[in-house]
N, C-alpha and C. Protein backbone atom coordinates (compact mmCIF):
# COMPACT_ATOMS: atom_id res chain seq x y z
N MET A 1 -87.46 -87.95 -76.42
CA MET A 1 -86.17 -87.30 -76.45
C MET A 1 -85.22 -88.14 -77.30
N ARG A 2 -84.48 -87.48 -78.12
CA ARG A 2 -83.50 -88.18 -78.94
C ARG A 2 -82.25 -88.45 -78.12
N ARG A 3 -81.23 -88.91 -78.80
CA ARG A 3 -79.96 -89.15 -78.14
C ARG A 3 -79.50 -87.89 -77.42
N PRO A 4 -79.06 -88.00 -76.16
CA PRO A 4 -78.74 -86.79 -75.40
C PRO A 4 -77.62 -85.95 -76.00
N GLY A 5 -76.52 -86.57 -76.41
CA GLY A 5 -75.43 -85.82 -77.01
C GLY A 5 -74.86 -84.73 -76.11
N VAL A 6 -74.61 -85.05 -74.86
CA VAL A 6 -74.07 -84.09 -73.90
C VAL A 6 -72.71 -84.57 -73.42
N ASN A 7 -71.93 -83.63 -72.88
CA ASN A 7 -70.59 -83.96 -72.43
C ASN A 7 -70.47 -84.13 -70.92
N SER A 8 -71.47 -83.69 -70.18
CA SER A 8 -71.36 -83.77 -68.73
C SER A 8 -72.69 -84.18 -68.12
N ASP A 9 -72.62 -84.61 -66.88
CA ASP A 9 -73.81 -85.01 -66.15
C ASP A 9 -74.74 -83.82 -65.91
N ALA A 10 -74.15 -82.66 -65.66
CA ALA A 10 -74.96 -81.46 -65.43
C ALA A 10 -75.76 -81.10 -66.68
N ASN A 11 -75.13 -81.20 -67.84
CA ASN A 11 -75.84 -80.91 -69.10
C ASN A 11 -76.97 -81.91 -69.34
N LEU A 12 -76.74 -83.18 -69.00
CA LEU A 12 -77.77 -84.20 -69.16
C LEU A 12 -78.95 -83.91 -68.24
N GLN A 13 -78.67 -83.53 -67.00
CA GLN A 13 -79.74 -83.20 -66.06
C GLN A 13 -80.55 -82.00 -66.56
N GLY A 14 -79.87 -81.00 -67.11
CA GLY A 14 -80.56 -79.84 -67.66
C GLY A 14 -81.45 -80.21 -68.83
N LYS A 15 -80.94 -81.06 -69.69
CA LYS A 15 -81.72 -81.47 -70.86
C LYS A 15 -82.95 -82.28 -70.43
N ILE A 16 -82.79 -83.15 -69.46
CA ILE A 16 -83.92 -83.94 -68.96
C ILE A 16 -84.95 -83.03 -68.30
N PHE A 17 -84.50 -82.02 -67.58
CA PHE A 17 -85.42 -81.07 -66.95
C PHE A 17 -86.24 -80.32 -67.99
N VAL A 18 -85.59 -79.87 -69.05
CA VAL A 18 -86.30 -79.15 -70.11
C VAL A 18 -87.32 -80.07 -70.78
N GLN A 19 -86.96 -81.33 -71.00
CA GLN A 19 -87.90 -82.30 -71.58
C GLN A 19 -89.10 -82.53 -70.66
N TYR A 20 -88.85 -82.54 -69.36
CA TYR A 20 -89.92 -82.73 -68.37
C TYR A 20 -90.90 -81.55 -68.42
N ILE A 21 -90.38 -80.34 -68.47
CA ILE A 21 -91.24 -79.15 -68.56
C ILE A 21 -92.04 -79.17 -69.87
N ALA A 22 -91.39 -79.56 -70.96
CA ALA A 22 -92.08 -79.65 -72.25
C ALA A 22 -93.21 -80.68 -72.20
N LEU A 23 -92.99 -81.78 -71.51
CA LEU A 23 -94.02 -82.81 -71.37
C LEU A 23 -95.21 -82.28 -70.58
N ILE A 24 -94.96 -81.51 -69.54
CA ILE A 24 -96.04 -80.91 -68.75
C ILE A 24 -96.86 -79.96 -69.63
N ILE A 25 -96.19 -79.13 -70.41
CA ILE A 25 -96.89 -78.18 -71.28
C ILE A 25 -97.71 -78.92 -72.34
N LEU A 26 -97.13 -79.93 -72.96
CA LEU A 26 -97.84 -80.70 -73.97
C LEU A 26 -99.05 -81.41 -73.39
N SER A 27 -98.93 -81.90 -72.16
CA SER A 27 -100.05 -82.55 -71.49
C SER A 27 -101.19 -81.55 -71.27
N GLN A 28 -100.86 -80.34 -70.86
CA GLN A 28 -101.88 -79.32 -70.65
C GLN A 28 -102.54 -78.93 -71.97
N VAL A 29 -101.75 -78.84 -73.04
CA VAL A 29 -102.31 -78.53 -74.36
C VAL A 29 -103.30 -79.62 -74.77
N ARG A 30 -102.92 -80.87 -74.59
CA ARG A 30 -103.81 -81.98 -74.96
C ARG A 30 -105.09 -81.98 -74.13
N ASN A 31 -104.98 -81.70 -72.84
CA ASN A 31 -106.18 -81.65 -71.99
C ASN A 31 -107.12 -80.54 -72.44
N THR A 32 -106.57 -79.37 -72.72
CA THR A 32 -107.41 -78.25 -73.17
C THR A 32 -108.03 -78.55 -74.53
N MET A 33 -107.26 -79.17 -75.42
CA MET A 33 -107.81 -79.52 -76.73
C MET A 33 -108.96 -80.50 -76.59
N SER A 34 -108.85 -81.42 -75.67
CA SER A 34 -109.92 -82.39 -75.44
C SER A 34 -111.16 -81.70 -74.87
N GLU A 35 -110.95 -80.82 -73.90
CA GLU A 35 -112.08 -80.11 -73.28
C GLU A 35 -112.81 -79.22 -74.28
N LYS A 36 -112.06 -78.53 -75.13
CA LYS A 36 -112.65 -77.58 -76.08
C LYS A 36 -112.94 -78.21 -77.44
N GLU A 37 -112.77 -79.53 -77.54
CA GLU A 37 -113.05 -80.30 -78.76
C GLU A 37 -112.30 -79.76 -79.98
N LEU A 38 -111.03 -79.47 -79.80
CA LEU A 38 -110.20 -78.96 -80.89
C LEU A 38 -109.58 -80.08 -81.71
N TYR A 39 -109.74 -81.33 -81.27
CA TYR A 39 -109.17 -82.44 -82.02
C TYR A 39 -109.86 -82.66 -83.36
N ARG A 40 -111.05 -82.07 -83.53
CA ARG A 40 -111.74 -82.17 -84.83
C ARG A 40 -110.96 -81.47 -85.93
N ASP A 41 -110.28 -80.37 -85.56
CA ASP A 41 -109.59 -79.56 -86.56
C ASP A 41 -108.07 -79.62 -86.50
N TYR A 42 -107.53 -80.02 -85.35
CA TYR A 42 -106.08 -79.94 -85.16
C TYR A 42 -105.55 -81.18 -84.45
N SER A 43 -104.27 -81.45 -84.68
CA SER A 43 -103.51 -82.34 -83.82
C SER A 43 -102.74 -81.40 -82.88
N PRO A 44 -102.21 -81.90 -81.76
CA PRO A 44 -101.45 -80.99 -80.88
C PRO A 44 -100.31 -80.29 -81.61
N TYR A 45 -99.64 -81.01 -82.49
CA TYR A 45 -98.50 -80.42 -83.19
C TYR A 45 -98.94 -79.42 -84.26
N SER A 46 -100.03 -79.70 -84.96
CA SER A 46 -100.50 -78.75 -85.96
C SER A 46 -101.03 -77.48 -85.30
N LEU A 47 -101.61 -77.60 -84.12
CA LEU A 47 -102.08 -76.44 -83.38
C LEU A 47 -100.89 -75.55 -83.01
N LEU A 48 -99.83 -76.15 -82.49
CA LEU A 48 -98.65 -75.37 -82.11
C LEU A 48 -97.95 -74.80 -83.35
N GLU A 49 -97.95 -75.55 -84.45
CA GLU A 49 -97.36 -75.05 -85.70
C GLU A 49 -98.12 -73.83 -86.21
N GLY A 50 -99.44 -73.84 -86.03
CA GLY A 50 -100.24 -72.70 -86.47
C GLY A 50 -99.94 -71.44 -85.70
N LEU A 51 -99.55 -71.59 -84.44
CA LEU A 51 -99.21 -70.42 -83.63
C LEU A 51 -97.76 -70.01 -83.80
N ASP A 52 -96.95 -70.88 -84.37
CA ASP A 52 -95.53 -70.61 -84.51
C ASP A 52 -95.24 -69.49 -85.49
N VAL A 53 -96.14 -69.20 -86.39
CA VAL A 53 -95.89 -68.19 -87.41
C VAL A 53 -96.14 -66.77 -86.93
N ILE A 54 -96.67 -66.59 -85.73
CA ILE A 54 -96.87 -65.26 -85.17
C ILE A 54 -95.50 -64.74 -84.72
N GLU A 55 -95.14 -63.58 -85.21
CA GLU A 55 -93.82 -63.03 -84.92
C GLU A 55 -93.94 -61.66 -84.27
N TYR A 56 -92.92 -61.32 -83.49
CA TYR A 56 -92.83 -60.02 -82.84
C TYR A 56 -91.65 -59.28 -83.46
N PHE A 57 -91.90 -58.09 -83.97
CA PHE A 57 -90.86 -57.29 -84.61
C PHE A 57 -90.54 -56.09 -83.73
N GLU A 58 -89.26 -55.82 -83.59
CA GLU A 58 -88.85 -54.65 -82.82
C GLU A 58 -87.66 -54.01 -83.54
N HIS A 59 -87.79 -52.73 -83.83
CA HIS A 59 -86.72 -51.99 -84.49
C HIS A 59 -86.06 -51.09 -83.45
N ALA A 60 -84.78 -50.87 -83.61
CA ALA A 60 -84.03 -50.06 -82.65
C ALA A 60 -84.68 -48.69 -82.49
N GLY A 61 -84.98 -48.34 -81.26
CA GLY A 61 -85.55 -47.03 -80.97
C GLY A 61 -87.04 -46.92 -81.19
N ASN A 62 -87.67 -47.95 -81.72
CA ASN A 62 -89.12 -47.93 -81.98
C ASN A 62 -89.83 -48.98 -81.14
N ARG A 63 -91.10 -48.76 -80.98
CA ARG A 63 -91.92 -49.73 -80.25
C ARG A 63 -92.15 -50.94 -81.14
N GLY A 64 -92.13 -52.14 -80.56
CA GLY A 64 -92.32 -53.36 -81.31
C GLY A 64 -93.77 -53.60 -81.68
N HIS A 65 -93.99 -54.50 -82.63
CA HIS A 65 -95.36 -54.87 -83.00
C HIS A 65 -95.41 -56.35 -83.38
N VAL A 66 -96.60 -56.91 -83.31
CA VAL A 66 -96.83 -58.32 -83.58
C VAL A 66 -97.33 -58.45 -85.02
N SER A 67 -96.91 -59.55 -85.69
CA SER A 67 -97.37 -59.78 -87.06
C SER A 67 -98.88 -60.02 -87.06
N GLU A 68 -99.47 -60.01 -88.24
CA GLU A 68 -100.91 -60.20 -88.37
C GLU A 68 -101.34 -61.54 -87.79
N ILE A 69 -102.46 -61.54 -87.08
CA ILE A 69 -103.00 -62.76 -86.47
C ILE A 69 -104.26 -63.15 -87.23
N GLU A 70 -104.28 -64.36 -87.76
CA GLU A 70 -105.41 -64.84 -88.55
C GLU A 70 -106.56 -65.27 -87.63
N ARG A 71 -107.72 -65.47 -88.23
CA ARG A 71 -108.91 -65.86 -87.45
C ARG A 71 -108.72 -67.19 -86.74
N LYS A 72 -108.12 -68.16 -87.42
CA LYS A 72 -107.89 -69.47 -86.79
C LYS A 72 -106.96 -69.33 -85.59
N GLN A 73 -105.94 -68.50 -85.72
CA GLN A 73 -105.02 -68.28 -84.61
C GLN A 73 -105.73 -67.59 -83.45
N ALA A 74 -106.58 -66.62 -83.76
CA ALA A 74 -107.35 -65.94 -82.71
C ALA A 74 -108.30 -66.91 -82.02
N ALA A 75 -108.87 -67.84 -82.77
CA ALA A 75 -109.76 -68.84 -82.17
C ALA A 75 -109.00 -69.76 -81.23
N ILE A 76 -107.77 -70.10 -81.58
CA ILE A 76 -106.94 -70.93 -80.70
C ILE A 76 -106.63 -70.19 -79.40
N TYR A 77 -106.25 -68.92 -79.52
CA TYR A 77 -106.00 -68.12 -78.32
C TYR A 77 -107.25 -68.07 -77.44
N ASP A 78 -108.41 -67.89 -78.07
CA ASP A 78 -109.67 -67.82 -77.33
C ASP A 78 -109.98 -69.14 -76.64
N ALA A 79 -109.73 -70.26 -77.30
CA ALA A 79 -110.00 -71.57 -76.71
C ALA A 79 -109.13 -71.82 -75.48
N PHE A 80 -107.92 -71.28 -75.48
CA PHE A 80 -107.01 -71.47 -74.35
C PHE A 80 -107.13 -70.34 -73.32
N ASP A 81 -108.10 -69.43 -73.51
CA ASP A 81 -108.33 -68.30 -72.61
C ASP A 81 -107.08 -67.44 -72.44
N VAL A 82 -106.43 -67.16 -73.57
CA VAL A 82 -105.24 -66.31 -73.58
C VAL A 82 -105.59 -65.06 -74.37
N THR A 83 -105.21 -63.88 -73.84
CA THR A 83 -105.48 -62.66 -74.56
C THR A 83 -104.54 -62.53 -75.76
N LEU A 84 -105.06 -61.97 -76.82
CA LEU A 84 -104.27 -61.81 -78.04
C LEU A 84 -103.13 -60.83 -77.80
N PRO A 85 -101.96 -61.10 -78.38
CA PRO A 85 -100.86 -60.15 -78.25
C PRO A 85 -101.19 -58.88 -79.02
N VAL A 86 -100.76 -57.76 -78.51
CA VAL A 86 -101.05 -56.46 -79.14
C VAL A 86 -99.78 -55.90 -79.70
C-alpha cells in the first residue's frame, strides 16, 4: 500500500480493509496458479492484466454483451473453474 493520503481515521480504516481483501484475493490467485502450474506462462499480475481487457457493453434499452474472449483468456477462466461470461 502506498501513502494513505486520507483525511480521517474512518477513511484510513476503510482503505486498510480494502487492501486486506485485495491481499486475500491475490493469495488465492497465487495458490491456484501454483496448483495449475500457470507460473510457466504468467506472473500473477500479467494473468490479471490479461483478463482486464474483457469488457461488458450495455446500450440503453438493449441487452448487454461481453467483448470477444481470446483462447488464452478462456484457458485462464478454465484453470480457475470459472464459467465464461456470456
